[in-house]
Amino acid sequence: MSLTGAMAKTKIAHIITKLELGGAQKTTLSLLRHLDENDYEIHLITSPWGLLTEEAFCIQGLRAFLVPALTSELNPLKDIISFLQILRYLRRRNISIVHTHSSKAGIIGRWAGRFAGVRFIFHTVHGWPFHIETNILARFFYTLLEKITSWITTRLIMVSDTDLKAGLKYVNKNRAKYVRISYGIESREFFNTNHIKKSKDTRLVSSLNIREDACVVGVICCFKPQKAPLDFVKVAKAVIDKGADVQFLSIGDGILRPAAEKMSLELGLNGNIKFLGWRKDIPALLSVVDILLLTSRWEGMPVVFFEALASGVPIVATDVGGASEVVKDGINGFLEKTGACEKLAEDVLSLAGNPEKRQTFSKVSRENFRDEFDIAYMTTRIENVYEQSIKR
């Protein structure tokens, strides 16, 4: 569906703050790969500092514009510079659709689109910036920003029912403003590693220096306050203290990684937790993981949950954001309150010591993986949202 004519392509700019190795970032890049090149001229605006930035340049037909001043932290000078640079780019390129991701880019990008005269402005909420651990003043500020900016937004795309309810309560009460579209992953990559076949890649197991017969608990996340990586170390300590034959794999990086590694050493867990840093072979790693653990304090909807579902990996996690929409407590995983490290440890132990239960949970996870969790389905839904708005 072309906005500018039967033969011309619609120019669309996706704007995201930083292409770090996170679920929102990976999903955004997957969306850019799958958008129909016959219908859209695709632009990406982001900062140059993310680990996935180089990967973005490999997307066929993508036009990228890097904005060094675009950062996650509040910085009035850099924010004004970012706004002006994005505004200028949108005007020069005659962009017809702006689609923003992440909180900072969501505000700056949508207003730049507005002042540039962009007719259609979309924003995917990968988790609201106001949450339970935000202080009162910051929560008021972020809520007010989102509320005002929602007025200039054509549609708000929600990845979880939890965030949809929060949006209706705090941001914009007009239900027609929202559309619910689940995250989509490259599901075939994870189906090939699912645990139903009851086998592990022996070469990968050997390279990771873990025993093939040990129960492996994996944590895949960015080491930042939201993910509470120190709670993960506490859970590991509680599990190991029970004498369980469990090996922990920590996959990710971030500002709290040094603190997590230090705590691991202080608690005598240096041989039980392997900090692997950022890895891009997540499907392969999930093939050797028996339990996925996530100790987040707040969430939108973790993409790793869908990857675990497709791989048939049981999930033990905190009940935040949209977790309960994917993890069915006692059926394909367990959910606990935030900070409940002892309870999370008990859940890990109950699965680690019971291979039959893990296998049952694995089958349920695979059976509950739906077509709407695939990237192709997600892309089609988003393209339909674009087209419906253009037709109106």
Protein backbone atom coordinates (compact mmCIF):
# COMPACT_ATOMS: atom_id res chain seq x y z
CA MET A 1 0.00 0.00 0.00
CA SER A 2 1.77 3.15 -1.17
CA LEU A 3 1.04 6.51 0.39
CA THR A 4 2.44 8.54 -2.49
CA GLY A 5 1.10 6.69 -5.49
CA ALA A 6 0.64 3.36 -7.18
CA MET A 7 4.29 2.98 -8.18
CA ALA A 8 6.10 4.97 -5.47
CA LYS A 9 7.21 3.38 -2.21
CA THR A 10 6.06 4.71 1.14
CA LYS A 11 9.00 6.16 3.03
CA ILE A 12 9.08 4.88 6.61
CA ALA A 13 11.59 5.72 9.35
CA HIS A 14 12.01 3.49 12.39
CA ILE A 15 13.63 5.31 15.31
CA ILE A 16 15.20 3.57 18.32
CA THR A 17 17.54 4.97 20.94
CA LYS A 18 20.29 2.35 20.95
CA LEU A 19 20.71 -1.03 19.27
CA GLU A 20 21.95 -2.91 22.32
CA LEU A 21 21.44 -6.66 22.65
CA GLY A 22 17.92 -6.50 24.03
CA GLY A 23 14.58 -7.94 23.05
CA ALA A 24 13.11 -4.67 21.74
CA GLN A 25 16.20 -4.03 19.63
CA LYS A 26 16.38 -7.55 18.18
CA THR A 27 12.67 -7.50 17.36
CA THR A 28 12.97 -4.10 15.68
CA LEU A 29 15.79 -5.33 13.44
CA SER A 30 13.82 -8.46 12.58
CA LEU A 31 10.86 -6.26 11.63
CA LEU A 32 13.09 -4.14 9.36
CA ARG A 33 14.33 -7.31 7.62
CA HIS A 34 10.80 -8.54 6.95
CA LEU A 35 9.03 -5.34 5.86
CA ASP A 36 8.07 -5.57 2.18
CA GLU A 37 10.73 -3.75 0.14
CA ASN A 38 8.28 -3.47 -2.75
CA ASP A 39 6.00 -1.26 -0.66
CA TYR A 40 8.38 0.58 1.68
CA GLU A 41 11.57 2.58 1.47
CA ILE A 42 12.96 1.73 4.90
CA HIS A 43 15.02 4.11 7.05
CA LEU A 44 16.54 3.54 10.49
CA ILE A 45 17.51 6.33 12.89
CA THR A 46 19.53 5.36 15.96
CA SER A 47 22.70 6.12 17.91
CA PRO A 48 25.98 4.53 16.74
CA TRP A 49 26.84 2.97 20.10
CA GLY A 50 24.86 -0.28 20.18
CA LEU A 51 26.35 -3.74 19.66
CA LEU A 52 23.74 -4.48 16.98
CA THR A 53 24.42 -1.32 14.95
CA GLU A 54 26.78 -3.14 12.60
CA GLU A 55 24.16 -5.84 12.10
CA ALA A 56 21.67 -3.17 11.03
CA PHE A 57 23.97 -2.08 8.19
CA CYS A 58 23.74 -5.61 6.78
CA ILE A 59 19.98 -5.36 6.21
CA GLN A 60 19.35 -5.20 2.47
CA GLY A 61 17.96 -1.89 1.24
CA LEU A 62 18.06 -0.24 4.67
CA ARG A 63 19.04 3.44 4.86
CA ALA A 64 20.59 4.21 8.24
CA PHE A 65 21.12 7.59 9.90
CA LEU A 66 23.24 7.64 13.08
CA VAL A 67 22.69 10.31 15.75
CA PRO A 68 25.59 10.33 18.28
CA ALA A 69 23.71 12.67 20.65
CA LEU A 70 20.81 10.20 21.02
CA THR A 71 21.29 8.59 24.45
CA SER A 72 19.09 6.79 26.99
CA GLU A 73 19.97 9.21 29.80
CA LEU A 74 18.22 12.54 30.22
CA ASN A 75 20.49 15.25 28.83
CA PRO A 76 18.73 18.46 27.72
CA LEU A 77 21.52 19.61 25.38
CA LYS A 78 21.96 16.24 23.67
CA ASP A 79 18.18 15.74 23.53
CA ILE A 80 17.71 19.07 21.70
CA ILE A 81 20.53 18.23 19.28
CA SER A 82 19.00 14.79 18.63
CA PHE A 83 15.58 16.31 18.05
CA LEU A 84 16.90 18.86 15.55
CA GLN A 85 19.00 16.29 13.66
CA ILE A 86 16.10 13.83 13.40
CA LEU A 87 13.69 16.62 12.41
CA ARG A 88 16.05 17.73 9.62
CA TYR A 89 16.48 14.16 8.34
CA LEU A 90 12.74 13.49 8.25
CA ARG A 91 12.11 16.70 6.33
CA ARG A 92 14.93 16.19 3.84
CA ARG A 93 13.93 12.60 3.13
CA ASN A 94 10.23 13.45 2.93
CA ILE A 95 9.32 10.62 5.33
CA SER A 96 5.64 9.64 5.35
CA ILE A 97 5.58 7.26 8.36
CA VAL A 98 7.54 7.42 11.62
CA HIS A 99 7.59 4.35 13.85
CA THR A 100 9.42 4.77 17.17
CA HIS A 101 10.71 2.25 19.70
CA SER A 102 12.06 2.70 23.26
CA SER A 103 11.14 5.53 25.64
CA LYS A 104 13.64 8.27 24.74
CA ALA A 105 13.39 7.79 20.96
CA GLY A 106 9.64 7.42 21.40
CA ILE A 107 9.31 10.96 22.72
CA ILE A 108 11.97 12.73 20.63
CA GLY A 109 11.15 10.80 17.44
CA ARG A 110 7.41 11.33 17.59
CA TRP A 111 7.71 15.07 18.18
CA ALA A 112 10.36 15.39 15.47
CA GLY A 113 7.92 13.61 13.16
CA ARG A 114 5.13 15.97 14.16
CA PHE A 115 7.19 19.11 13.48
CA ALA A 116 8.49 17.62 10.23
CA GLY A 117 4.92 17.23 9.01
CA VAL A 118 4.94 13.42 8.99
CA ARG A 119 1.35 12.30 8.49
CA PHE A 120 1.45 8.96 10.33
CA ILE A 121 3.25 8.36 13.62
CA PHE A 122 3.37 4.97 15.38
CA HIS A 123 5.02 3.91 18.62
CA THR A 124 5.65 0.42 19.95
CA VAL A 125 5.57 0.31 23.74
CA HIS A 126 8.26 -2.17 24.80
CA GLY A 127 7.36 -1.41 28.43
CA TRP A 128 6.27 1.98 29.78
CA PRO A 129 8.99 4.24 31.29
CA PHE A 130 6.91 4.60 34.47
CA HIS A 131 6.93 1.49 36.63
CA ILE A 132 6.80 0.35 40.25
CA GLU A 133 10.41 1.28 41.04
CA THR A 134 10.24 4.76 39.49
CA ASN A 135 10.17 7.52 42.11
CA ILE A 136 7.01 9.61 42.35
CA LEU A 137 8.37 12.72 40.59
CA ALA A 138 9.91 10.74 37.73
CA ARG A 139 6.73 8.68 37.37
CA PHE A 140 4.63 11.85 37.12
CA PHE A 141 7.04 13.37 34.57
CA TYR A 142 7.19 10.27 32.35
CA THR A 143 3.44 9.71 32.55
CA LEU A 144 2.74 13.32 31.57
CA LEU A 145 5.18 13.09 28.64
CA GLU A 146 3.58 9.88 27.38
CA LYS A 147 0.07 11.28 27.84
CA ILE A 148 0.77 14.46 25.83
CA THR A 149 2.74 12.61 23.16
CA SER A 150 -0.06 10.06 22.72
CA TRP A 151 -2.19 12.88 21.28
CA ILE A 152 0.11 13.16 18.23
CA THR A 153 0.46 9.37 17.84
CA THR A 154 -1.62 7.65 15.15
CA ARG A 155 -1.55 4.26 16.91
CA LEU A 156 0.18 2.82 19.97
CA ILE A 157 1.33 -0.77 19.41
CA MET A 158 1.27 -2.82 22.62
CA VAL A 159 3.20 -6.06 23.12
CA SER A 160 1.39 -7.14 26.30
CA ASP A 161 -2.08 -6.90 27.82
CA THR A 162 -0.51 -5.60 31.01
CA ASP A 163 0.97 -2.56 29.27
CA LEU A 164 -2.28 -2.06 27.36
CA LYS A 165 -4.20 -1.82 30.63
CA ALA A 166 -1.61 0.57 32.06
CA GLY A 167 -1.83 2.73 28.94
CA LEU A 168 -5.61 2.94 29.15
CA LYS A 169 -5.40 3.86 32.83
CA TYR A 170 -2.52 6.37 32.81
CA VAL A 171 -1.82 7.54 29.24
CA ASN A 172 -4.81 7.65 26.90
CA LYS A 173 -8.27 6.25 27.62
CA ASN A 174 -9.23 5.97 23.95
CA ARG A 175 -9.14 2.22 23.22
CA ALA A 176 -9.12 2.88 19.47
CA LYS A 177 -5.68 4.47 19.87
CA TYR A 178 -4.16 1.06 20.74
CA VAL A 179 -3.51 -2.16 18.87
CA ARG A 180 -2.22 -5.32 20.57
CA ILE A 181 0.47 -7.15 18.57
CA SER A 182 2.64 -9.80 20.18
CA TYR A 183 6.40 -9.95 19.76
CA GLY A 184 7.56 -12.17 16.92
CA ILE A 185 10.76 -14.21 16.72
CA GLU A 186 12.54 -16.21 14.03
CA SER A 187 10.78 -19.29 15.35
CA ARG A 188 12.35 -21.84 12.98
CA GLU A 189 15.77 -21.13 14.49
CA PHE A 190 14.45 -22.20 17.90
CA PHE A 191 12.29 -25.12 16.77
CA ASN A 192 15.46 -26.81 15.58
CA THR A 193 16.85 -26.76 19.12
CA ASN A 194 13.78 -27.78 21.08
CA HIS A 195 14.09 -30.12 24.04
CA ILE A 196 11.49 -32.57 22.86
CA LYS A 197 14.26 -34.47 21.08
CA LYS A 198 16.05 -34.88 24.47
CA SER A 199 19.52 -34.27 23.10
CA LYS A 200 22.25 -31.65 23.51
CA ASP A 201 25.00 -30.47 21.21
CA THR A 202 28.00 -32.25 22.72
CA ARG A 203 30.50 -29.94 21.01
CA LEU A 204 28.78 -26.84 22.44
CA VAL A 205 28.57 -28.46 25.88
CA SER A 206 32.29 -29.21 25.71
CA SER A 207 33.17 -25.67 24.57
CA LEU A 208 31.20 -24.24 27.50
CA ASN A 209 33.06 -26.56 29.87
CA ILE A 210 29.89 -27.94 31.45
CA ARG A 211 28.93 -31.55 32.11
CA GLU A 212 26.42 -33.02 29.70
CA ASP A 213 24.49 -34.72 32.52
CA ALA A 214 24.24 -31.58 34.70
CA CYS A 215 21.02 -29.58 34.86
CA VAL A 216 21.78 -26.23 33.20
CA VAL A 217 20.00 -23.06 34.30
CA GLY A 218 20.34 -20.16 31.88
CA VAL A 219 19.89 -16.43 32.44
CA ILE A 220 19.68 -14.36 29.25
CA CYS A 221 19.40 -10.63 29.88
CA CYS A 222 21.07 -7.24 29.96
CA PHE A 223 22.83 -6.61 33.29
CA LYS A 224 20.89 -3.53 34.38
CA PRO A 225 18.72 -2.72 37.42
CA GLN A 226 15.53 -3.76 35.62
CA LYS A 227 16.76 -7.37 35.31
CA ALA A 228 18.05 -7.59 38.92
CA PRO A 229 21.13 -9.74 38.10
CA LEU A 230 22.22 -9.75 41.77
CA ASP A 231 18.97 -11.58 42.58
CA PHE A 232 19.99 -14.21 40.03
CA VAL A 233 23.27 -14.74 41.91
CA LYS A 234 21.32 -15.07 45.18
CA VAL A 235 19.06 -17.70 43.60
CA ALA A 236 22.11 -19.60 42.36
CA LYS A 237 23.62 -19.51 45.86
CA ALA A 238 20.42 -20.89 47.41
CA VAL A 239 20.27 -23.69 44.84
CA ILE A 240 23.93 -24.69 45.21
CA ASP A 241 23.67 -24.64 49.01
CA LYS A 242 21.08 -27.42 48.71
CA GLY A 243 23.69 -29.62 47.06
CA ALA A 244 21.94 -29.68 43.69
CA ASP A 245 23.91 -30.73 40.61
CA VAL A 246 23.15 -27.53 38.72
CA GLN A 247 25.31 -25.42 36.38
CA PHE A 248 24.37 -21.77 35.79
CA LEU A 249 25.03 -19.95 32.51
CA SER A 250 24.78 -16.16 32.51
CA ILE A 251 24.40 -14.74 29.01
CA GLY A 252 24.52 -10.96 28.72
CA ASP A 253 26.41 -7.86 29.77
CA GLY A 254 25.82 -4.39 31.18
CA ILE A 255 26.63 -1.99 34.00
CA LEU A 256 25.85 -4.51 36.78
CA ARG A 257 27.93 -7.39 35.42
CA PRO A 258 31.03 -6.51 37.52
CA ALA A 259 28.86 -6.40 40.66
CA ALA A 260 27.27 -9.77 39.80
CA GLU A 261 30.67 -11.38 39.17
CA LYS A 262 32.03 -9.93 42.41
CA MET A 263 29.08 -11.27 44.41
CA SER A 264 29.50 -14.66 42.74
CA LEU A 265 33.14 -14.80 43.86
CA GLU A 266 32.33 -13.63 47.39
CA LEU A 267 29.67 -16.34 47.72
CA GLY A 268 32.03 -19.02 46.42
CA LEU A 269 30.10 -19.62 43.20
CA ASN A 270 32.91 -19.00 40.73
CA GLY A 271 32.81 -22.63 39.59
CA ASN A 272 29.02 -22.81 39.39
CA ILE A 273 28.19 -19.68 37.37
CA LYS A 274 29.76 -19.09 33.98
CA PHE A 275 29.47 -15.48 32.77
CA LEU A 276 29.54 -15.75 28.99
CA GLY A 277 28.93 -12.09 28.11
CA TRP A 278 26.98 -11.14 25.01
CA ARG A 279 26.31 -14.03 22.66
CA LYS A 280 24.50 -14.13 19.32
CA ASP A 281 24.03 -17.92 19.22
CA ILE A 282 20.99 -17.87 21.52
CA PRO A 283 19.14 -20.72 19.72
CA ALA A 284 22.16 -22.99 20.18
CA LEU A 285 22.63 -21.98 23.81
CA LEU A 286 18.96 -22.63 24.59
CA SER A 287 19.47 -26.15 23.24
CA VAL A 288 21.74 -26.92 26.21
CA VAL A 289 19.69 -24.97 28.79
CA ASP A 290 17.24 -27.02 30.86
CA ILE A 291 15.63 -24.13 32.77
CA LEU A 292 15.39 -20.43 31.91
CA LEU A 293 15.62 -18.09 34.91
CA LEU A 294 14.68 -14.38 34.89
CA THR A 295 14.65 -12.27 38.07
CA SER A 296 13.36 -8.96 36.65
CA ARG A 297 11.94 -6.20 38.87
CA TRP A 298 9.84 -4.80 36.01
CA GLU A 299 9.18 -5.74 32.40
CA GLY A 300 7.14 -5.09 29.30
CA MET A 301 7.29 -8.52 27.69
CA PRO A 302 10.65 -10.38 27.59
CA VAL A 303 11.37 -11.67 24.08
CA VAL A 304 13.43 -14.47 25.63
CA PHE A 305 10.17 -15.99 26.92
CA PHE A 306 9.04 -16.64 23.33
CA GLU A 307 12.46 -18.03 22.47
CA ALA A 308 12.18 -20.38 25.46
CA LEU A 309 8.66 -21.43 24.45
CA ALA A 310 9.80 -22.29 20.93
CA SER A 311 12.81 -24.17 22.29
CA GLY A 312 10.73 -26.04 24.84
CA VAL A 313 12.61 -24.68 27.87
CA PRO A 314 10.67 -24.39 31.18
CA ILE A 315 10.71 -20.88 32.67
CA VAL A 316 11.20 -19.76 36.28
CA ALA A 317 10.66 -16.01 36.56
CA THR A 318 9.25 -13.12 38.53
CA ASP A 319 5.62 -12.25 37.87
CA VAL A 320 6.08 -8.82 36.31
CA GLY A 321 4.81 -7.15 33.13
CA GLY A 322 3.34 -9.64 30.68
CA ALA A 323 5.04 -12.70 32.23
CA SER A 324 1.77 -14.42 33.18
CA GLU A 325 0.55 -14.11 29.58
CA VAL A 326 3.28 -16.54 28.49
CA VAL A 327 4.29 -18.47 31.62
CA LYS A 328 1.47 -20.53 33.09
CA ASP A 329 2.40 -21.12 36.72
CA GLY A 330 2.81 -24.81 37.47
CA ILE A 331 2.09 -25.77 33.85
CA ASN A 332 5.07 -24.69 31.76
CA GLY A 333 7.02 -22.83 34.42
CA PHE A 334 6.80 -21.00 37.73
CA LEU A 335 6.18 -17.36 38.65
CA GLU A 336 7.09 -15.66 41.93
CA LYS A 337 7.02 -12.15 43.40
CA THR A 338 9.95 -9.84 42.70
CA GLY A 339 12.86 -10.35 45.07
CA ALA A 340 11.57 -13.77 46.22
CA CYS A 341 14.96 -15.44 45.71
CA GLU A 342 14.29 -18.36 48.06
CA LYS A 343 11.01 -19.20 46.30
CA LEU A 344 12.66 -18.94 42.90
CA ALA A 345 15.41 -21.26 44.13
CA GLU A 346 12.79 -23.78 45.29
CA ASP A 347 11.20 -23.70 41.84
CA VAL A 348 14.56 -24.30 40.16
CA LEU A 349 15.26 -27.20 42.54
CA SER A 350 11.86 -28.78 41.88
CA LEU A 351 12.60 -28.84 38.14
CA ALA A 352 16.30 -29.66 38.41
CA GLY A 353 15.55 -32.79 40.40
CA ASN A 354 12.67 -33.93 38.21
CA PRO A 355 13.57 -34.51 34.52
CA GLU A 356 10.08 -35.89 33.86
CA LYS A 357 8.46 -32.64 35.02
CA ARG A 358 10.86 -30.65 32.86
CA GLN A 359 9.90 -32.78 29.88
CA THR A 360 6.18 -32.26 30.56
CA PHE A 361 6.68 -28.49 30.85
CA SER A 362 8.70 -28.56 27.61
CA LYS A 363 5.88 -30.19 25.69
CA VAL A 364 3.35 -27.70 27.03
CA SER A 365 5.59 -24.79 26.05
CA ARG A 366 5.96 -26.03 22.47
CA GLU A 367 2.23 -26.72 22.22
CA ASN A 368 1.50 -23.16 23.42
CA PHE A 369 3.77 -21.51 20.86
CA ARG A 370 1.34 -19.86 18.44
CA ASP A 371 1.70 -18.48 14.92
CA GLU A 372 1.29 -14.95 16.26
CA PHE A 373 4.65 -15.32 18.05
CA ASP A 374 6.47 -15.63 14.70
CA ILE A 375 8.18 -12.60 13.13
CA ALA A 376 6.36 -13.06 9.80
CA TYR A 377 2.97 -12.86 11.51
CA MET A 378 4.03 -9.83 13.57
CA THR A 379 5.28 -8.02 10.45
CA THR A 380 2.04 -8.68 8.57
CA ARG A 381 0.01 -7.31 11.49
CA ILE A 382 2.10 -4.15 11.67
CA GLU A 383 1.94 -3.60 7.91
CA ASN A 384 -1.85 -3.94 8.15
CA VAL A 385 -1.90 -1.24 10.84
CA TYR A 386 0.08 1.06 8.55
CA GLU A 387 -2.24 0.41 5.61
CA GLN A 388 -5.45 0.81 7.60
CA SER A 389 -4.25 4.18 8.90
CA ILE A 390 -3.28 5.33 5.40
CA LYS A 391 -6.69 4.32 4.01
CA ARG A 392 -8.43 6.40 6.67
